[in-house]
Amino acid sequence: MVEVPDEIRAARLAELFDLVVDSYDNVGVPFFGPIAERLIAEVDPRAGARVLDIGCGRGAVLFRLAEAVGPGGEVVGIDVSPKMVAATAHEARARGLTNVSVQVMDATAPTLPRGAFDAITASFMIFFLPDPAAALTAWRSLLVPHGTVGVSTFGAWDPRWEQMEDLFGPYRDRAFFRIDPRDPNGPFGSDGAVEGLMRTAGLVHPRTVAFDLDLFFDDTEQWYAWTRSHGQRQLWDSIPAGDLDRVRDAALARVDGWRDEQGRITSRHRIRLTLAQRP
């Protein structure tokens, strides 16, 4: 497998999220919002705190943090996608949030003042990074002593998603994504593994909280739109045009079988929240 240089990987990641900027968290399926609420509840930033949100996307965590820290606090959001940053900054202004700023920045090595933040959040983005432990080490230096970092990742996957692997597996771009977050033996394969990343980065007192998040889709087309509205779009876009209709039709046929007793298409995701502190 040919290694993709980190700068090319970052550029491709930015392009991916530039593509989904309008649909991201905007197809009628609450996903990032409920996760953000639980993550912030666990990080529990105090009023007046200064918090950094890494991979801020369209602001699911960022805007809730702004409310949590209040007008006397400050929230900084960074994201590799220029279009995400522009859209989120525009929305922050529209909301009248004077305690929020957003910048284009690579999460692997943020160019921000050391020891400046009481807490750092990173929701559903750390598994995109080529070296998560190195990124966490860089983030640790941005925290005040005893400051908290909190990340959200996937816990156990719904078995029905795993049963789609024969459709999507042949098209996964393993050169682009060095780490498969579904790998049970990988750095995101268990609570202990993610806590181990924290320890490797020099963070202490790691702990994990997990919960189940149920998603409901009106029909198979909404499921398809949802999977194309975030990072999974990269998988769809990696399928050659000649194969896309076949793979899509087969996937939608299986998803149609995910209906519950009320006839709703459902999907359950185990969400993992992992927190640790700078010594």
Protein backbone atom coordinates (compact mmCIF):
# COMPACT_ATOMS: atom_id res chain seq x y z
CA MET A 1 0.00 0.00 0.00
CA VAL A 2 1.37 3.42 -0.98
CA GLU A 3 1.46 5.85 1.94
CA VAL A 4 -0.40 9.11 1.42
CA PRO A 5 1.67 12.07 2.73
CA ASP A 6 0.05 13.85 5.65
CA GLU A 7 -0.31 17.15 3.80
CA ILE A 8 -2.15 15.43 0.94
CA ARG A 9 -4.36 13.56 3.40
CA ALA A 10 -5.24 16.82 5.15
CA ALA A 11 -6.07 18.48 1.83
CA ARG A 12 -8.31 15.60 0.82
CA LEU A 13 -10.03 15.68 4.18
CA ALA A 14 -10.68 19.39 3.73
CA GLU A 15 -12.11 18.74 0.26
CA LEU A 16 -14.38 16.01 1.63
CA PHE A 17 -15.91 18.23 4.28
CA ASP A 18 -16.11 21.18 1.92
CA LEU A 19 -18.38 18.98 -0.21
CA VAL A 20 -20.81 18.22 2.63
CA VAL A 21 -20.94 21.69 4.19
CA ASP A 22 -24.58 22.34 3.27
CA SER A 23 -26.00 18.92 4.17
CA TYR A 24 -23.83 18.27 7.23
CA ASP A 25 -26.09 17.57 10.23
CA ASN A 26 -28.94 18.98 8.13
CA VAL A 27 -30.97 16.08 6.69
CA GLY A 28 -33.50 15.71 9.51
CA VAL A 29 -31.66 13.00 11.49
CA PRO A 30 -30.42 14.21 14.91
CA PHE A 31 -26.94 12.76 15.35
CA PHE A 32 -24.16 15.21 16.16
CA GLY A 33 -26.40 17.32 18.43
CA PRO A 34 -27.32 14.60 20.95
CA ILE A 35 -23.69 13.47 21.07
CA ALA A 36 -22.53 17.05 21.63
CA GLU A 37 -24.93 17.46 24.56
CA ARG A 38 -23.61 14.33 26.28
CA LEU A 39 -19.98 15.24 25.62
CA ILE A 40 -20.37 18.73 27.06
CA ALA A 41 -22.20 17.34 30.08
CA GLU A 42 -19.22 15.09 30.81
CA VAL A 43 -16.57 17.76 30.19
CA ASP A 44 -18.69 20.15 32.29
CA PRO A 45 -16.94 23.44 31.49
CA ARG A 46 -17.47 26.12 34.09
CA ALA A 47 -18.91 29.55 33.36
CA GLY A 48 -16.12 31.82 32.16
CA ALA A 49 -13.96 28.94 30.90
CA ARG A 50 -11.91 29.05 27.70
CA VAL A 51 -12.58 25.97 25.54
CA LEU A 52 -11.19 24.72 22.24
CA ASP A 53 -13.40 22.63 19.93
CA ILE A 54 -11.29 20.69 17.43
CA GLY A 55 -12.98 19.64 14.21
CA CYS A 56 -15.87 21.95 14.97
CA GLY A 57 -17.80 21.22 11.77
CA ARG A 58 -21.10 23.13 11.68
CA GLY A 59 -20.99 23.90 15.40
CA ALA A 60 -22.89 21.08 17.13
CA VAL A 61 -20.45 21.20 20.05
CA LEU A 62 -19.19 24.74 19.51
CA PHE A 63 -22.49 26.57 19.93
CA ARG A 64 -23.52 24.50 22.93
CA LEU A 65 -20.14 25.23 24.53
CA ALA A 66 -20.72 28.95 23.98
CA GLU A 67 -23.90 28.69 25.98
CA ALA A 68 -22.23 26.60 28.69
CA VAL A 69 -19.33 28.99 29.32
CA GLY A 70 -21.49 32.10 29.04
CA PRO A 71 -20.57 35.59 27.85
CA GLY A 72 -17.62 35.69 30.21
CA GLY A 73 -16.08 32.63 28.61
CA GLU A 74 -14.51 32.02 25.20
CA VAL A 75 -14.87 29.20 22.71
CA VAL A 76 -12.47 28.68 19.81
CA GLY A 77 -13.37 26.32 16.99
CA ILE A 78 -10.93 24.95 14.45
CA ASP A 79 -11.56 22.82 11.37
CA VAL A 80 -9.54 21.78 8.34
CA SER A 81 -12.40 22.62 5.96
CA PRO A 82 -12.45 26.28 4.86
CA LYS A 83 -16.11 26.07 3.84
CA MET A 84 -17.10 24.57 7.20
CA VAL A 85 -15.29 27.39 8.98
CA ALA A 86 -16.89 30.06 6.82
CA ALA A 87 -20.40 28.65 7.30
CA THR A 88 -19.97 28.17 11.04
CA ALA A 89 -18.48 31.62 11.54
CA HIS A 90 -21.42 33.10 9.63
CA GLU A 91 -23.90 31.23 11.82
CA ALA A 92 -22.09 32.33 14.99
CA ARG A 93 -22.50 35.95 13.91
CA ALA A 94 -26.14 35.35 12.99
CA ARG A 95 -26.72 33.94 16.49
CA GLY A 96 -25.07 36.97 18.03
CA LEU A 97 -22.39 34.87 19.74
CA THR A 98 -19.67 37.27 20.77
CA ASN A 99 -17.72 34.60 22.68
CA VAL A 100 -17.03 32.37 19.64
CA SER A 101 -14.25 32.45 17.04
CA VAL A 102 -13.57 29.94 14.26
CA GLN A 103 -10.35 29.31 12.33
CA VAL A 104 -9.07 27.04 9.57
CA MET A 105 -6.43 24.86 11.17
CA ASP A 106 -4.96 21.35 11.02
CA ALA A 107 -5.97 19.35 14.09
CA THR A 108 -2.70 17.43 14.15
CA ALA A 109 -0.65 20.49 15.15
CA PRO A 110 -2.81 23.44 16.18
CA THR A 111 -0.98 26.77 16.11
CA LEU A 112 -2.53 28.13 19.28
CA PRO A 113 -1.09 29.40 22.57
CA ARG A 114 0.19 26.73 24.94
CA GLY A 115 -1.59 26.39 28.26
CA ALA A 116 -4.46 28.61 27.11
CA PHE A 117 -7.52 26.35 27.40
CA ASP A 118 -9.42 24.92 30.32
CA ALA A 119 -10.89 22.17 28.16
CA ILE A 120 -10.67 20.70 24.67
CA THR A 121 -13.43 18.83 22.86
CA ALA A 122 -13.14 16.77 19.68
CA SER A 123 -16.32 15.05 18.54
CA PHE A 124 -16.16 12.32 15.92
CA MET A 125 -12.98 13.48 14.28
CA ILE A 126 -9.94 11.94 15.99
CA PHE A 127 -10.18 8.68 13.99
CA PHE A 128 -9.57 10.69 10.80
CA LEU A 129 -6.09 11.65 12.01
CA PRO A 130 -3.02 9.67 10.91
CA ASP A 131 -1.50 9.56 14.42
CA PRO A 132 -4.14 10.12 17.13
CA ALA A 133 -1.68 9.78 20.02
CA ALA A 134 0.59 12.45 18.53
CA ALA A 135 -2.39 14.76 18.04
CA LEU A 136 -3.49 14.25 21.64
CA THR A 137 0.05 15.04 22.77
CA ALA A 138 -0.11 18.33 20.88
CA TRP A 139 -3.53 19.08 22.35
CA ARG A 140 -2.28 18.38 25.89
CA SER A 141 0.19 21.26 25.59
CA LEU A 142 -2.70 23.66 24.89
CA LEU A 143 -4.43 22.85 28.19
CA VAL A 144 -3.93 24.50 31.54
CA PRO A 145 -2.73 22.14 34.28
CA HIS A 146 -5.55 19.75 35.17
CA GLY A 147 -7.46 20.86 32.08
CA THR A 148 -9.73 18.28 30.45
CA VAL A 149 -9.83 16.80 26.97
CA GLY A 150 -12.97 14.94 25.85
CA VAL A 151 -13.44 13.03 22.60
CA SER A 152 -16.34 11.11 21.13
CA THR A 153 -15.90 8.01 18.99
CA PHE A 154 -17.93 4.98 17.99
CA GLY A 155 -18.27 2.15 20.47
CA ALA A 156 -19.69 -1.17 19.31
CA TRP A 157 -21.11 -1.03 15.80
CA ASP A 158 -24.65 -2.09 14.98
CA PRO A 159 -24.24 -5.62 13.53
CA ARG A 160 -26.40 -4.62 10.59
CA TRP A 161 -23.75 -2.11 9.51
CA GLU A 162 -21.11 -4.81 9.71
CA GLN A 163 -23.23 -6.95 7.39
CA MET A 164 -22.76 -4.28 4.69
CA GLU A 165 -19.02 -4.87 4.57
CA ASP A 166 -19.24 -7.13 1.51
CA LEU A 167 -20.72 -4.17 -0.39
CA PHE A 168 -18.38 -1.42 0.78
CA GLY A 169 -15.23 -3.29 1.79
CA PRO A 170 -13.76 -3.61 -1.72
CA TYR A 171 -13.86 0.17 -2.15
CA ARG A 172 -12.42 1.36 1.16
CA ASP A 173 -9.50 3.72 0.61
CA ARG A 174 -7.11 2.19 3.12
CA ALA A 175 -4.23 4.36 1.95
CA PHE A 176 -6.20 7.47 2.86
CA PHE A 177 -7.59 6.21 6.18
CA ARG A 178 -4.69 4.56 7.97
CA ILE A 179 -6.89 3.63 10.93
CA ASP A 180 -10.15 1.70 10.69
CA PRO A 181 -12.26 2.77 13.71
CA ARG A 182 -14.15 -0.51 13.42
CA ASP A 183 -11.02 -2.65 13.94
CA PRO A 184 -11.48 -4.43 17.30
CA ASN A 185 -7.70 -4.59 17.68
CA GLY A 186 -7.10 -0.97 16.69
CA PRO A 187 -6.77 2.21 18.76
CA PHE A 188 -10.56 2.73 18.73
CA GLY A 189 -11.54 -0.90 19.12
CA SER A 190 -12.31 -0.74 22.84
CA ASP A 191 -12.69 1.65 25.76
CA GLY A 192 -9.31 0.54 27.06
CA ALA A 193 -7.63 1.21 23.73
CA VAL A 194 -8.87 4.80 23.55
CA GLU A 195 -7.90 5.36 27.18
CA GLY A 196 -4.49 3.98 26.22
CA LEU A 197 -4.16 6.69 23.57
CA MET A 198 -4.77 9.25 26.29
CA ARG A 199 -2.06 7.76 28.51
CA THR A 200 0.39 7.58 25.62
CA ALA A 201 -0.18 11.30 25.08
CA GLY A 202 0.74 12.03 28.71
CA LEU A 203 -2.83 12.60 29.88
CA VAL A 204 -3.98 11.15 33.17
CA HIS A 205 -7.11 9.78 34.83
CA PRO A 206 -8.76 8.60 31.59
CA ARG A 207 -12.35 7.47 31.88
CA THR A 208 -15.05 6.36 29.49
CA VAL A 209 -18.80 6.86 29.37
CA ALA A 210 -20.90 5.14 26.72
CA PHE A 211 -24.50 5.34 25.61
CA ASP A 212 -26.73 4.10 22.80
CA LEU A 213 -28.04 6.53 20.21
CA ASP A 214 -31.00 5.40 18.12
CA LEU A 215 -31.47 6.95 14.70
CA PHE A 216 -34.73 6.93 12.78
CA PHE A 217 -35.09 7.41 9.03
CA ASP A 218 -38.28 8.18 7.12
CA ASP A 219 -37.20 5.98 4.23
CA THR A 220 -34.16 4.51 2.53
CA GLU A 221 -33.52 7.73 0.60
CA GLN A 222 -33.14 9.67 3.85
CA TRP A 223 -30.68 7.04 5.09
CA TYR A 224 -28.71 7.44 1.85
CA ALA A 225 -28.77 11.24 2.14
CA TRP A 226 -27.60 10.99 5.75
CA THR A 227 -24.66 8.72 4.87
CA ARG A 228 -23.61 11.23 2.20
CA SER A 229 -23.89 14.21 4.56
CA HIS A 230 -20.78 13.51 6.66
CA GLY A 231 -17.47 11.66 6.48
CA GLN A 232 -19.02 8.50 5.07
CA ARG A 233 -19.45 10.34 1.78
CA GLN A 234 -15.80 9.52 1.13
CA LEU A 235 -16.78 5.85 0.92
CA TRP A 236 -19.57 6.50 -1.57
CA ASP A 237 -17.30 8.71 -3.65
CA SER A 238 -14.63 6.02 -3.78
CA ILE A 239 -16.99 3.64 -5.61
CA PRO A 240 -16.44 3.80 -9.40
CA ALA A 241 -19.34 5.25 -11.37
CA GLY A 242 -19.92 1.91 -13.09
CA ASP A 243 -20.48 0.16 -9.74
CA LEU A 244 -22.29 2.88 -7.82
CA ASP A 245 -25.88 2.11 -8.82
CA ARG A 246 -25.45 -1.58 -8.06
CA VAL A 247 -23.89 -0.96 -4.63
CA ARG A 248 -26.42 1.74 -3.76
CA ASP A 249 -29.41 -0.37 -4.76
CA ALA A 250 -28.12 -3.37 -2.80
CA ALA A 251 -27.44 -1.23 0.28
CA LEU A 252 -30.88 0.41 0.19
CA ALA A 253 -32.57 -2.98 -0.18
CA ARG A 254 -30.85 -4.15 3.01
CA VAL A 255 -31.59 -0.93 4.87
CA ASP A 256 -35.26 -1.33 4.02
CA GLY A 257 -35.17 -4.45 6.18
CA TRP A 258 -34.10 -2.44 9.24
CA ARG A 259 -37.68 -1.38 10.01
CA ASP A 260 -39.01 -1.58 13.55
CA GLU A 261 -42.53 -2.54 14.65
CA GLN A 262 -43.73 0.97 13.74
CA GLY A 263 -42.31 0.61 10.24
CA ARG A 264 -39.48 3.08 10.85
CA ILE A 265 -36.01 2.39 9.54
CA THR A 266 -33.79 2.34 12.62
CA SER A 267 -30.12 2.17 13.40
CA ARG A 268 -28.47 1.96 16.82
CA HIS A 269 -25.03 3.37 17.46
CA ARG A 270 -22.96 2.86 20.59
CA ILE A 271 -21.29 6.18 21.35
CA ARG A 272 -18.12 6.34 23.43
CA LEU A 273 -17.02 9.45 25.32
CA THR A 274 -13.44 9.35 26.59
CA LEU A 275 -12.03 12.03 28.90
CA ALA A 276 -8.65 12.64 30.51
CA GLN A 277 -6.68 15.47 32.07
CA ARG A 278 -3.39 17.22 31.70
CA PRO A 279 -1.32 16.50 34.83
